[in-house]
Amino acid sequence: MDAYCFKCRAKKEIRNPSRVTLKNGRPATQGTCPTCGTKVFRIGKG
């Protein structure tokens, strides 16, 4: 799954993805950017 990295300014594959649930009940995926190590986040199906 891809997520947009704001530091690299490009879509990157999520490293160490983990599923999380937002306060409103929507699913999301959280992980790190493989290039720079910044936290990346993607809302939606995971």
PDB file of N, CA and C in Angstrom:
ATOM      1  N   MET A   1       0.837  -1.179   0.000  1.00  0.00           N
ATOM      2  CA  MET A   1       0.000   0.000   0.000  1.00  0.00           C
ATOM      3  C   MET A   1       0.883   1.243   0.000  1.00  0.00           C
ATOM      4  N   ASP A   2       0.462   2.248  -0.718  1.00  0.00           N
ATOM      5  CA  ASP A   2       1.225   3.488  -0.824  1.00  0.00           C
ATOM      6  C   ASP A   2       0.618   4.577   0.059  1.00  0.00           C
ATOM      7  N   ALA A   3       1.454   5.492   0.472  1.00  0.00           N
ATOM      8  CA  ALA A   3       1.020   6.686   1.192  1.00  0.00           C
ATOM      9  C   ALA A   3       1.903   7.840   0.735  1.00  0.00           C
ATOM     10  N   TYR A   4       1.409   9.054   0.836  1.00  0.00           N
ATOM     11  CA  TYR A   4       2.164  10.226   0.405  1.00  0.00           C
ATOM     12  C   TYR A   4       3.083  10.681   1.534  1.00  0.00           C
ATOM     13  N   CYS A   5       4.365  10.780   1.228  1.00  0.00           N
ATOM     14  CA  CYS A   5       5.347  11.280   2.192  1.00  0.00           C
ATOM     15  C   CYS A   5       5.534  12.776   1.937  1.00  0.00           C
ATOM     16  N   PHE A   6       5.249  13.589   2.933  1.00  0.00           N
ATOM     17  CA  PHE A   6       5.353  15.044   2.769  1.00  0.00           C
ATOM     18  C   PHE A   6       6.808  15.512   2.728  1.00  0.00           C
ATOM     19  N   LYS A   7       7.706  14.773   3.325  1.00  0.00           N
ATOM     20  CA  LYS A   7       9.113  15.155   3.316  1.00  0.00           C
ATOM     21  C   LYS A   7       9.752  14.853   1.950  1.00  0.00           C
ATOM     22  N   CYS A   8       9.456  13.670   1.372  1.00  0.00           N
ATOM     23  CA  CYS A   8       9.985  13.297   0.057  1.00  0.00           C
ATOM     24  C   CYS A   8       9.157  13.893  -1.083  1.00  0.00           C
ATOM     25  N   ARG A   9       7.944  14.314  -0.783  1.00  0.00           N
ATOM     26  CA  ARG A   9       6.992  14.835  -1.770  1.00  0.00           C
ATOM     27  C   ARG A   9       6.710  13.833  -2.873  1.00  0.00           C
ATOM     28  N   ALA A  10       6.475  12.575  -2.479  1.00  0.00           N
ATOM     29  CA  ALA A  10       6.170  11.520  -3.436  1.00  0.00           C
ATOM     30  C   ALA A  10       5.410  10.404  -2.728  1.00  0.00           C
ATOM     31  N   LYS A  11       4.731   9.568  -3.516  1.00  0.00           N
ATOM     32  CA  LYS A  11       4.069   8.399  -2.959  1.00  0.00           C
ATOM     33  C   LYS A  11       5.114   7.316  -2.742  1.00  0.00           C
ATOM     34  N   LYS A  12       5.077   6.709  -1.576  1.00  0.00           N
ATOM     35  CA  LYS A  12       6.034   5.667  -1.212  1.00  0.00           C
ATOM     36  C   LYS A  12       5.294   4.474  -0.630  1.00  0.00           C
ATOM     37  N   GLU A  13       5.917   3.314  -0.725  1.00  0.00           N
ATOM     38  CA  GLU A  13       5.381   2.105  -0.099  1.00  0.00           C
ATOM     39  C   GLU A  13       5.527   2.251   1.416  1.00  0.00           C
ATOM     40  N   ILE A  14       4.497   1.854   2.166  1.00  0.00           N
ATOM     41  CA  ILE A  14       4.532   1.988   3.623  1.00  0.00           C
ATOM     42  C   ILE A  14       5.387   0.868   4.212  1.00  0.00           C
ATOM     43  N   ARG A  15       6.366   1.234   5.040  1.00  0.00           N
ATOM     44  CA  ARG A  15       7.173   0.254   5.751  1.00  0.00           C
ATOM     45  C   ARG A  15       6.568   0.063   7.139  1.00  0.00           C
ATOM     46  N   ASN A  16       6.529  -1.164   7.619  1.00  0.00           N
ATOM     47  CA  ASN A  16       5.954  -1.516   8.923  1.00  0.00           C
ATOM     48  C   ASN A  16       4.518  -1.007   9.068  1.00  0.00           C
ATOM     49  N   PRO A  17       3.618  -1.379   8.145  1.00  0.00           N
ATOM     50  CA  PRO A  17       2.245  -0.877   8.238  1.00  0.00           C
ATOM     51  C   PRO A  17       1.502  -1.475   9.433  1.00  0.00           C
ATOM     52  N   SER A  18       0.683  -0.663  10.062  1.00  0.00           N
ATOM     53  CA  SER A  18      -0.170  -1.137  11.145  1.00  0.00           C
ATOM     54  C   SER A  18      -1.541  -0.504  10.978  1.00  0.00           C
ATOM     55  N   ARG A  19      -2.561  -1.293  11.213  1.00  0.00           N
ATOM     56  CA  ARG A  19      -3.925  -0.804  11.083  1.00  0.00           C
ATOM     57  C   ARG A  19      -4.322  -0.074  12.351  1.00  0.00           C
ATOM     58  N   VAL A  20      -4.956   1.069  12.175  1.00  0.00           N
ATOM     59  CA  VAL A  20      -5.474   1.846  13.291  1.00  0.00           C
ATOM     60  C   VAL A  20      -6.906   2.250  12.955  1.00  0.00           C
ATOM     61  N   THR A  21      -7.664   2.604  13.986  1.00  0.00           N
ATOM     62  CA  THR A  21      -9.031   3.077  13.802  1.00  0.00           C
ATOM     63  C   THR A  21      -9.112   4.495  14.336  1.00  0.00           C
ATOM     64  N   LEU A  22      -9.657   5.385  13.529  1.00  0.00           N
ATOM     65  CA  LEU A  22      -9.808   6.775  13.936  1.00  0.00           C
ATOM     66  C   LEU A  22     -10.950   6.917  14.938  1.00  0.00           C
ATOM     67  N   LYS A  23     -11.045   8.079  15.570  1.00  0.00           N
ATOM     68  CA  LYS A  23     -12.090   8.310  16.566  1.00  0.00           C
ATOM     69  C   LYS A  23     -13.492   8.145  16.000  1.00  0.00           C
ATOM     70  N   ASN A  24     -13.654   8.485  14.701  1.00  0.00           N
ATOM     71  CA  ASN A  24     -14.975   8.377  14.091  1.00  0.00           C
ATOM     72  C   ASN A  24     -15.252   6.976  13.554  1.00  0.00           C
ATOM     73  N   GLY A  25     -14.346   6.018  13.769  1.00  0.00           N
ATOM     74  CA  GLY A  25     -14.566   4.640  13.379  1.00  0.00           C
ATOM     75  C   GLY A  25     -14.005   4.257  12.023  1.00  0.00           C
ATOM     76  N   ARG A  26     -13.438   5.199  11.279  1.00  0.00           N
ATOM     77  CA  ARG A  26     -12.886   4.894   9.960  1.00  0.00           C
ATOM     78  C   ARG A  26     -11.544   4.177  10.099  1.00  0.00           C
ATOM     79  N   PRO A  27     -11.279   3.203   9.225  1.00  0.00           N
ATOM     80  CA  PRO A  27      -9.982   2.511   9.275  1.00  0.00           C
ATOM     81  C   PRO A  27      -8.883   3.354   8.641  1.00  0.00           C
ATOM     82  N   ALA A  28      -7.659   3.136   9.084  1.00  0.00           N
ATOM     83  CA  ALA A  28      -6.507   3.845   8.529  1.00  0.00           C
ATOM     84  C   ALA A  28      -5.281   2.953   8.666  1.00  0.00           C
ATOM     85  N   THR A  29      -4.230   3.290   7.918  1.00  0.00           N
ATOM     86  CA  THR A  29      -2.965   2.567   7.987  1.00  0.00           C
ATOM     87  C   THR A  29      -1.861   3.558   8.304  1.00  0.00           C
ATOM     88  N   GLN A  30      -0.991   3.180   9.232  1.00  0.00           N
ATOM     89  CA  GLN A  30       0.086   4.051   9.670  1.00  0.00           C
ATOM     90  C   GLN A  30       1.394   3.282   9.560  1.00  0.00           C
ATOM     91  N   GLY A  31       2.459   3.974   9.166  1.00  0.00           N
ATOM     92  CA  GLY A  31       3.764   3.335   9.055  1.00  0.00           C
ATOM     93  C   GLY A  31       4.846   4.374   8.852  1.00  0.00           C
ATOM     94  N   THR A  32       5.958   3.957   8.243  1.00  0.00           N
ATOM     95  CA  THR A  32       7.062   4.876   8.014  1.00  0.00           C
ATOM     96  C   THR A  32       7.467   4.853   6.544  1.00  0.00           C
ATOM     97  N   CYS A  33       8.088   5.933   6.104  1.00  0.00           N
ATOM     98  CA  CYS A  33       8.597   6.048   4.747  1.00  0.00           C
ATOM     99  C   CYS A  33       9.908   5.266   4.660  1.00  0.00           C
ATOM    100  N   PRO A  34      10.090   4.425   3.627  1.00  0.00           N
ATOM    101  CA  PRO A  34      11.331   3.648   3.527  1.00  0.00           C
ATOM    102  C   PRO A  34      12.552   4.491   3.194  1.00  0.00           C
ATOM    103  N   THR A  35      12.366   5.677   2.623  1.00  0.00           N
ATOM    104  CA  THR A  35      13.500   6.515   2.223  1.00  0.00           C
ATOM    105  C   THR A  35      14.009   7.384   3.365  1.00  0.00           C
ATOM    106  N   CYS A  36      13.102   8.135   3.994  1.00  0.00           N
ATOM    107  CA  CYS A  36      13.543   9.115   4.998  1.00  0.00           C
ATOM    108  C   CYS A  36      13.147   8.757   6.436  1.00  0.00           C
ATOM    109  N   GLY A  37      12.254   7.778   6.619  1.00  0.00           N
ATOM    110  CA  GLY A  37      11.878   7.367   7.963  1.00  0.00           C
ATOM    111  C   GLY A  37      10.784   8.201   8.604  1.00  0.00           C
ATOM    112  N   THR A  38      10.195   9.126   7.856  1.00  0.00           N
ATOM    113  CA  THR A  38       9.116   9.959   8.370  1.00  0.00           C
ATOM    114  C   THR A  38       7.843   9.125   8.516  1.00  0.00           C
ATOM    115  N   LYS A  39       7.018   9.470   9.501  1.00  0.00           N
ATOM    116  CA  LYS A  39       5.756   8.775   9.680  1.00  0.00           C
ATOM    117  C   LYS A  39       4.809   9.125   8.545  1.00  0.00           C
ATOM    118  N   VAL A  40       4.188   8.103   7.932  1.00  0.00           N
ATOM    119  CA  VAL A  40       3.205   8.319   6.868  1.00  0.00           C
ATOM    120  C   VAL A  40       1.893   7.698   7.322  1.00  0.00           C
ATOM    121  N   PHE A  41       0.802   8.216   6.771  1.00  0.00           N
ATOM    122  CA  PHE A  41      -0.533   7.868   7.230  1.00  0.00           C
ATOM    123  C   PHE A  41      -1.467   7.826   6.033  1.00  0.00           C
ATOM    124  N   ARG A  42      -2.323   6.808   5.970  1.00  0.00           N
ATOM    125  CA  ARG A  42      -3.287   6.707   4.886  1.00  0.00           C
ATOM    126  C   ARG A  42      -4.642   6.334   5.455  1.00  0.00           C
ATOM    127  N   ILE A  43      -5.648   7.144   5.160  1.00  0.00           N
ATOM    128  CA  ILE A  43      -7.000   6.888   5.623  1.00  0.00           C
ATOM    129  C   ILE A  43      -7.719   6.046   4.581  1.00  0.00           C
ATOM    130  N   GLY A  44      -8.465   5.064   5.032  1.00  0.00           N
ATOM    131  CA  GLY A  44      -9.231   4.212   4.131  1.00  0.00           C
ATOM    132  C   GLY A  44      -8.901   2.747   4.346  1.00  0.00           C
ATOM    133  N   LYS A  45      -9.379   1.915   3.434  1.00  0.00           N
ATOM    134  CA  LYS A  45      -9.169   0.471   3.546  1.00  0.00           C
ATOM    135  C   LYS A  45      -7.689   0.124   3.569  1.00  0.00           C
ATOM    136  N   GLY A  46      -7.351  -0.856   4.349  1.00  0.00           N
ATOM    137  CA  GLY A  46      -5.964  -1.239   4.449  1.00  0.00           C
ATOM    138  C   GLY A  46      -5.757  -2.642   4.282  1.00  0.00           C
TER     139      GLY A  46
END
